[in-house]
Amino acid sequence: MKSHCLVLILFLIVDIYLDAERFLDALHYAKEGCHHHGDDLIFLFKLGQCYLGQGDGAKAVDQLMQYS
C-alpha cells in the first residue's frame, strides 16, 4: 500500500508541474518515477508529455512509443 501511495504522489506532482507548464520540474519527477518504478508505464507516458511540453518532439515520440 505504501508503495502505491508513493507512486500516486509522484504522479500527481508530475501532473501539477505539467499543468503549470513547468516542464523541467515535471521532467525531473517523471524521471524519478521511471527510476524507482520502472515497471509502471505511466511514468514513460508522463516523460513523453514533459518532452513534448519542452518542444522536443523526437524524445516525446521515443517515450510515447515505449508506452504503446
C-alpha atoms as a PDB file:
ATOM      1  CA  MET A   1       0.000   0.000   0.000  1.00  0.00           C
ATOM      2  CA  LYS A   2       2.796   2.416   0.894  1.00  0.00           C
ATOM      3  CA  SER A   3       4.495   1.923  -2.483  1.00  0.00           C
ATOM      4  CA  HIS A   4       1.221   2.512  -4.311  1.00  0.00           C
ATOM      5  CA  CYS A   5       0.712   5.779  -2.409  1.00  0.00           C
ATOM      6  CA  LEU A   6       4.215   6.964  -3.287  1.00  0.00           C
ATOM      7  CA  VAL A   7       3.599   6.229  -6.969  1.00  0.00           C
ATOM      8  CA  LEU A   8       0.360   8.206  -6.834  1.00  0.00           C
ATOM      9  CA  ILE A   9       2.003  11.165  -5.097  1.00  0.00           C
ATOM     10  CA  LEU A  10       4.849  11.254  -7.606  1.00  0.00           C
ATOM     11  CA  PHE A  11       2.355  11.004 -10.468  1.00  0.00           C
ATOM     12  CA  LEU A  12       0.337  13.911  -9.073  1.00  0.00           C
ATOM     13  CA  ILE A  13       3.454  16.056  -8.637  1.00  0.00           C
ATOM     14  CA  VAL A  14       4.327  15.484 -12.293  1.00  0.00           C
ATOM     15  CA  ASP A  15       0.764  16.340 -13.321  1.00  0.00           C
ATOM     16  CA  ILE A  16       0.746  19.562 -11.299  1.00  0.00           C
ATOM     17  CA  TYR A  17       4.010  20.716 -12.843  1.00  0.00           C
ATOM     18  CA  LEU A  18       2.747  19.833 -16.324  1.00  0.00           C
ATOM     19  CA  ASP A  19      -0.449  21.806 -15.738  1.00  0.00           C
ATOM     20  CA  ALA A  20       1.654  24.766 -14.574  1.00  0.00           C
ATOM     21  CA  GLU A  21       3.823  24.404 -17.712  1.00  0.00           C
ATOM     22  CA  ARG A  22       6.901  23.861 -15.540  1.00  0.00           C
ATOM     23  CA  PHE A  23       8.195  21.159 -17.833  1.00  0.00           C
ATOM     24  CA  LEU A  24      11.719  20.881 -16.427  1.00  0.00           C
ATOM     25  CA  ASP A  25      10.361  20.290 -12.925  1.00  0.00           C
ATOM     26  CA  ALA A  26       7.855  17.772 -14.267  1.00  0.00           C
ATOM     27  CA  LEU A  27      10.636  16.043 -16.183  1.00  0.00           C
ATOM     28  CA  HIS A  28      12.719  15.691 -13.030  1.00  0.00           C
ATOM     29  CA  TYR A  29       9.922  13.939 -11.152  1.00  0.00           C
ATOM     30  CA  ALA A  30       8.887  11.830 -14.154  1.00  0.00           C
ATOM     31  CA  LYS A  31      12.478  10.581 -14.391  1.00  0.00           C
ATOM     32  CA  GLU A  32      12.415   9.833 -10.651  1.00  0.00           C
ATOM     33  CA  GLY A  33       9.244   7.853 -11.218  1.00  0.00           C
ATOM     34  CA  CYS A  34      10.867   5.850 -14.023  1.00  0.00           C
ATOM     35  CA  HIS A  35      13.952   5.246 -11.914  1.00  0.00           C
ATOM     36  CA  HIS A  36      12.085   3.996  -8.854  1.00  0.00           C
ATOM     37  CA  HIS A  37       9.041   2.461 -10.570  1.00  0.00           C
ATOM     38  CA  GLY A  38      10.378   1.416 -13.968  1.00  0.00           C
ATOM     39  CA  ASP A  39       7.657  -1.168 -14.492  1.00  0.00           C
ATOM     40  CA  ASP A  40       4.931   1.470 -14.205  1.00  0.00           C
ATOM     41  CA  LEU A  41       4.290   2.636 -17.773  1.00  0.00           C
ATOM     42  CA  ILE A  42       2.505   5.792 -16.717  1.00  0.00           C
ATOM     43  CA  PHE A  43       5.850   7.455 -15.996  1.00  0.00           C
ATOM     44  CA  LEU A  44       7.046   6.716 -19.554  1.00  0.00           C
ATOM     45  CA  PHE A  45       3.876   8.408 -20.765  1.00  0.00           C
ATOM     46  CA  LYS A  46       4.498  11.377 -18.463  1.00  0.00           C
ATOM     47  CA  LEU A  47       8.095  11.626 -19.725  1.00  0.00           C
ATOM     48  CA  GLY A  48       6.725  11.906 -23.230  1.00  0.00           C
ATOM     49  CA  GLN A  49       4.394  14.698 -22.140  1.00  0.00           C
ATOM     50  CA  CYS A  50       7.306  16.529 -20.494  1.00  0.00           C
ATOM     51  CA  TYR A  51       9.459  16.333 -23.611  1.00  0.00           C
ATOM     52  CA  LEU A  52       6.540  17.435 -25.775  1.00  0.00           C
ATOM     53  CA  GLY A  53       5.964  20.430 -23.497  1.00  0.00           C
ATOM     54  CA  GLN A  54       9.618  21.389 -23.893  1.00  0.00           C
ATOM     55  CA  GLY A  55       9.288  21.241 -27.660  1.00  0.00           C
ATOM     56  CA  ASP A  56      11.393  18.090 -28.074  1.00  0.00           C
ATOM     57  CA  GLY A  57       9.103  16.072 -30.301  1.00  0.00           C
ATOM     58  CA  ALA A  58      11.674  13.382 -31.110  1.00  0.00           C
ATOM     59  CA  LYS A  59      12.222  12.466 -27.454  1.00  0.00           C
ATOM     60  CA  ALA A  60       8.484  12.656 -26.835  1.00  0.00           C
ATOM     61  CA  VAL A  61       7.810  10.163 -29.625  1.00  0.00           C
ATOM     62  CA  ASP A  62      10.518   7.826 -28.303  1.00  0.00           C
ATOM     63  CA  GLN A  63       8.960   7.824 -24.848  1.00  0.00           C
ATOM     64  CA  LEU A  64       5.403   7.514 -26.075  1.00  0.00           C
ATOM     65  CA  MET A  65       6.342   4.617 -28.361  1.00  0.00           C
ATOM     66  CA  GLN A  66       7.649   2.750 -25.304  1.00  0.00           C
ATOM     67  CA  TYR A  67       4.277   3.370 -23.685  1.00  0.00           C
ATOM     68  CA  SER A  68       2.304   1.763 -26.517  1.00  0.00           C
END
